[in-house]
Protein backbone atom coordinates (compact mmCIF):
# COMPACT_ATOMS: atom_id res chain seq x y z
CA UNK A 1 183.15 -74.08 242.19
CA UNK A 2 184.97 -74.66 245.24
CA UNK A 3 181.59 -75.52 246.87
CA UNK A 4 181.63 -78.54 244.25
CA UNK A 5 185.31 -79.36 244.87
CA UNK A 6 184.95 -79.35 248.74
CA UNK A 7 181.86 -81.65 248.53
CA UNK A 8 183.56 -84.05 246.38
CA UNK A 9 186.71 -84.44 248.03
CA UNK A 10 184.71 -84.95 251.44
CA UNK A 11 182.54 -87.54 249.54
CA UNK A 12 185.99 -89.57 247.65
CA UNK A 13 187.35 -89.60 251.28
CA UNK A 14 184.37 -91.14 253.19
CA UNK A 15 183.57 -93.12 250.22
CA UNK A 16 186.31 -93.92 247.80
CA UNK A 17 184.66 -97.03 245.95
CA UNK A 18 181.76 -95.25 245.26
CA UNK A 19 183.43 -92.01 244.08
CA UNK A 20 185.55 -94.51 241.54
CA UNK A 21 182.32 -95.82 240.34
CA UNK A 22 180.67 -92.54 239.78
CA UNK A 23 183.92 -91.50 237.88
CA UNK A 24 184.02 -94.83 236.09
CA UNK A 25 180.43 -94.75 234.95
CA UNK A 26 180.88 -90.87 234.05
CA UNK A 27 183.62 -91.86 231.63
CA UNK A 28 181.69 -94.93 230.29
CA UNK A 29 178.66 -92.56 229.21
CA UNK A 30 180.73 -90.22 227.41
CA UNK A 31 182.35 -92.99 225.78
CA UNK A 32 179.20 -94.77 225.12
CA UNK A 33 177.83 -91.33 223.59
CA UNK A 34 181.29 -91.21 221.18
CA UNK A 35 180.01 -94.78 220.37
CA UNK A 36 176.57 -93.77 219.45
CA UNK A 37 177.46 -90.77 217.41
CA UNK A 38 180.08 -92.71 215.48
CA UNK A 39 177.43 -95.80 214.67
CA UNK A 40 175.20 -93.32 214.01
CA UNK A 41 177.33 -91.66 210.94
CA UNK A 42 179.92 -94.20 210.19
CA UNK A 43 178.19 -97.01 209.11
CA UNK A 44 176.05 -94.74 206.56
CA UNK A 45 179.75 -93.63 205.08
CA UNK A 46 181.03 -96.92 204.34
CA UNK A 47 177.53 -97.98 202.90
CA UNK A 48 177.92 -94.68 200.54
CA UNK A 49 181.71 -95.21 199.92
CA UNK A 50 182.18 -98.56 199.88
CA UNK A 51 180.42 -102.05 198.69
CA UNK A 52 181.72 -103.35 202.03
CA UNK A 53 178.00 -103.38 203.29
CA UNK A 54 177.54 -105.90 200.36
CA UNK A 55 180.14 -108.35 201.81
CA UNK A 56 178.86 -110.87 204.56
CA UNK A 57 180.67 -110.88 207.84
CA UNK A 58 179.64 -113.64 209.97
CA UNK A 59 182.49 -114.99 212.05
CA UNK A 60 182.85 -117.55 215.06
CA UNK A 61 180.05 -119.79 214.64
CA UNK A 62 178.41 -121.41 217.95
CA UNK A 63 176.01 -123.79 218.32
CA UNK A 64 175.08 -124.39 221.87
CA UNK A 65 171.93 -126.22 222.04
CA UNK A 66 168.99 -123.98 220.47
CA UNK A 67 171.29 -120.96 220.11
CA UNK A 68 172.81 -120.96 216.51
CA UNK A 69 174.52 -117.67 215.88
CA UNK A 70 177.49 -116.10 215.00
CA UNK A 71 179.66 -114.28 217.51
CA UNK A 72 180.07 -111.32 215.06
CA UNK A 73 177.16 -111.43 213.00
CA UNK A 74 176.52 -108.82 209.84
CA UNK A 75 174.62 -110.46 207.09
CA UNK A 76 173.99 -108.48 204.08
CA UNK A 77 170.97 -106.35 204.80
CA UNK A 78 171.13 -103.92 201.75
CA UNK A 79 171.48 -100.70 204.17
CA UNK A 80 174.05 -99.67 206.15
CA UNK A 81 173.46 -101.75 209.37
CA UNK A 82 174.84 -104.73 207.37
CA UNK A 83 177.86 -106.90 206.03
CA UNK A 84 181.32 -105.93 206.19
CA UNK A 85 180.75 -102.43 206.35
CA UNK A 86 178.48 -102.28 209.45
CA UNK A 87 181.59 -104.45 211.06
CA UNK A 88 184.14 -102.36 209.98
CA UNK A 89 182.57 -99.35 211.54
CA UNK A 90 181.66 -101.31 215.15
CA UNK A 91 185.36 -102.41 214.89
CA UNK A 92 186.71 -98.27 214.45
CA UNK A 93 184.17 -97.38 216.97
CA UNK A 94 185.44 -99.86 219.70
CA UNK A 95 188.99 -98.98 218.98
CA UNK A 96 188.33 -95.40 219.27
CA UNK A 97 186.32 -95.81 222.40
CA UNK A 98 188.92 -97.94 223.92
CA UNK A 99 191.91 -95.37 223.25
CA UNK A 100 189.97 -92.87 224.93
CA UNK A 101 188.80 -95.15 227.75
CA UNK A 102 191.84 -96.70 228.78
CA UNK A 103 193.70 -93.51 230.11
CA UNK A 104 190.54 -91.97 231.28
CA UNK A 105 190.07 -94.97 233.69
CA UNK A 106 193.56 -95.73 234.51
CA UNK A 107 194.87 -92.05 235.12
CA UNK A 108 191.61 -90.39 236.50
CA UNK A 109 189.03 -93.03 238.04
CA UNK A 110 191.68 -95.01 239.28
CA UNK A 111 194.86 -93.07 239.47
CA UNK A 112 196.75 -95.95 239.06
CA UNK A 113 200.36 -95.56 238.56
CA UNK A 114 201.05 -99.55 237.79
CA UNK A 115 203.09 -100.79 234.67
CA UNK A 116 201.66 -99.42 231.77
CA UNK A 117 202.66 -102.14 229.38
CA UNK A 118 201.54 -104.73 231.77
CA UNK A 119 198.23 -102.67 231.98
CA UNK A 120 197.72 -102.47 228.36
CA UNK A 121 198.35 -105.94 227.68
CA UNK A 122 195.54 -107.04 230.25
CA UNK A 123 193.44 -104.41 229.05
CA UNK A 124 193.16 -105.76 225.43
CA UNK A 125 193.09 -109.44 226.75
CA UNK A 126 190.04 -107.92 228.98
CA UNK A 127 188.84 -106.15 226.18
CA UNK A 128 188.85 -108.96 223.67
CA UNK A 129 187.22 -111.46 225.72
CA UNK A 130 184.40 -108.92 226.73
CA UNK A 131 184.12 -107.99 223.35
CA UNK A 132 183.56 -111.70 222.15
CA UNK A 133 181.18 -112.15 224.81
CA UNK A 134 178.80 -109.13 224.37
CA UNK A 135 178.74 -109.82 220.66
CA UNK A 136 177.50 -113.28 221.32
CA UNK A 137 175.28 -111.75 223.42
CA UNK A 138 173.98 -109.41 220.70
CA UNK A 139 173.51 -112.14 218.54
CA UNK A 140 170.87 -113.11 220.39
CA UNK A 141 168.55 -109.46 220.62
CA UNK A 142 169.97 -107.65 217.81
CA UNK A 143 167.71 -109.24 215.60
CA UNK A 144 164.87 -108.58 217.71
CA UNK A 145 165.82 -105.07 217.97
CA UNK A 146 166.45 -104.71 214.05
CA UNK A 147 163.10 -106.23 213.34
CA UNK A 148 160.64 -103.77 215.66
CA UNK A 149 162.51 -100.50 215.66
CA UNK A 150 164.08 -98.24 212.98
CA UNK A 151 167.85 -97.88 212.80
CA UNK A 152 168.24 -94.76 214.83
CA UNK A 153 166.47 -96.19 217.66
CA UNK A 154 168.15 -99.58 217.10
CA UNK A 155 171.44 -98.24 217.70
CA UNK A 156 170.52 -96.33 220.36
CA UNK A 157 169.11 -99.55 222.17
CA UNK A 158 171.77 -101.66 221.14
CA UNK A 159 174.68 -99.24 222.28
CA UNK A 160 173.02 -98.71 225.45
CA UNK A 161 172.41 -102.59 226.17
CA UNK A 162 175.85 -103.38 224.90
CA UNK A 163 177.13 -100.45 227.32
CA UNK A 164 175.40 -101.53 230.00
CA UNK A 165 176.57 -105.01 229.97
CA UNK A 166 180.26 -104.13 229.53
CA UNK A 167 180.21 -101.47 232.58
CA UNK A 168 178.95 -103.91 235.20
CA UNK A 169 181.65 -106.22 233.65
CA UNK A 170 184.52 -104.08 233.48
CA UNK A 171 184.26 -102.28 237.01
CA UNK A 172 185.54 -105.48 238.65
CA UNK A 173 188.18 -106.03 235.77
CA UNK A 174 189.60 -102.32 236.04
CA UNK A 175 189.47 -102.62 239.95
CA UNK A 176 192.19 -105.61 239.41
CA UNK A 177 194.12 -104.04 236.08
CA UNK A 178 194.72 -100.60 237.48
CA UNK A 179 195.82 -100.89 241.18
CA UNK A 180 195.95 -97.72 242.82
CA UNK A 181 199.15 -95.98 244.03
CA UNK A 182 201.40 -98.80 242.68
CA UNK A 183 204.75 -97.16 241.29
CA UNK A 184 205.85 -97.88 237.74
């Protein structure tokens, strides 16, 4: 263990940005796995315990040339992958993931000591904008994934694609939101 600590310390000193990205990536993967697990079981709980999956949830309609979709598009599918039930599971999953991700990224990856209230406000704003953008993109590829893959694989694909897109967007945003070394 001492060897790993020494190697990581040396690596971090020489390659600070790469070390930050590795930590960011690791925590993002952990949060993505949590999201996958939650999206595997939570929709089924809503389906069995409520009638929410029978209520369509289609929010923020966009018509941009040939693209005519909803940013949040969860029509009734007759199973746990549709309607308000799936949207609720999706929303809860995102909220829980961000409640875990924020302190890990702020305190461990970027070691930021900036004003936490300012950082929370910017984090929430970035989260909302990125979630809306990624949800719009999901409106383009989710129907294809649903059509060609079984639900378990569909959830993996959606989680990996969405998580990958978000990681590419979030890292530079976090570098701005979580400046290193600032005192509160």
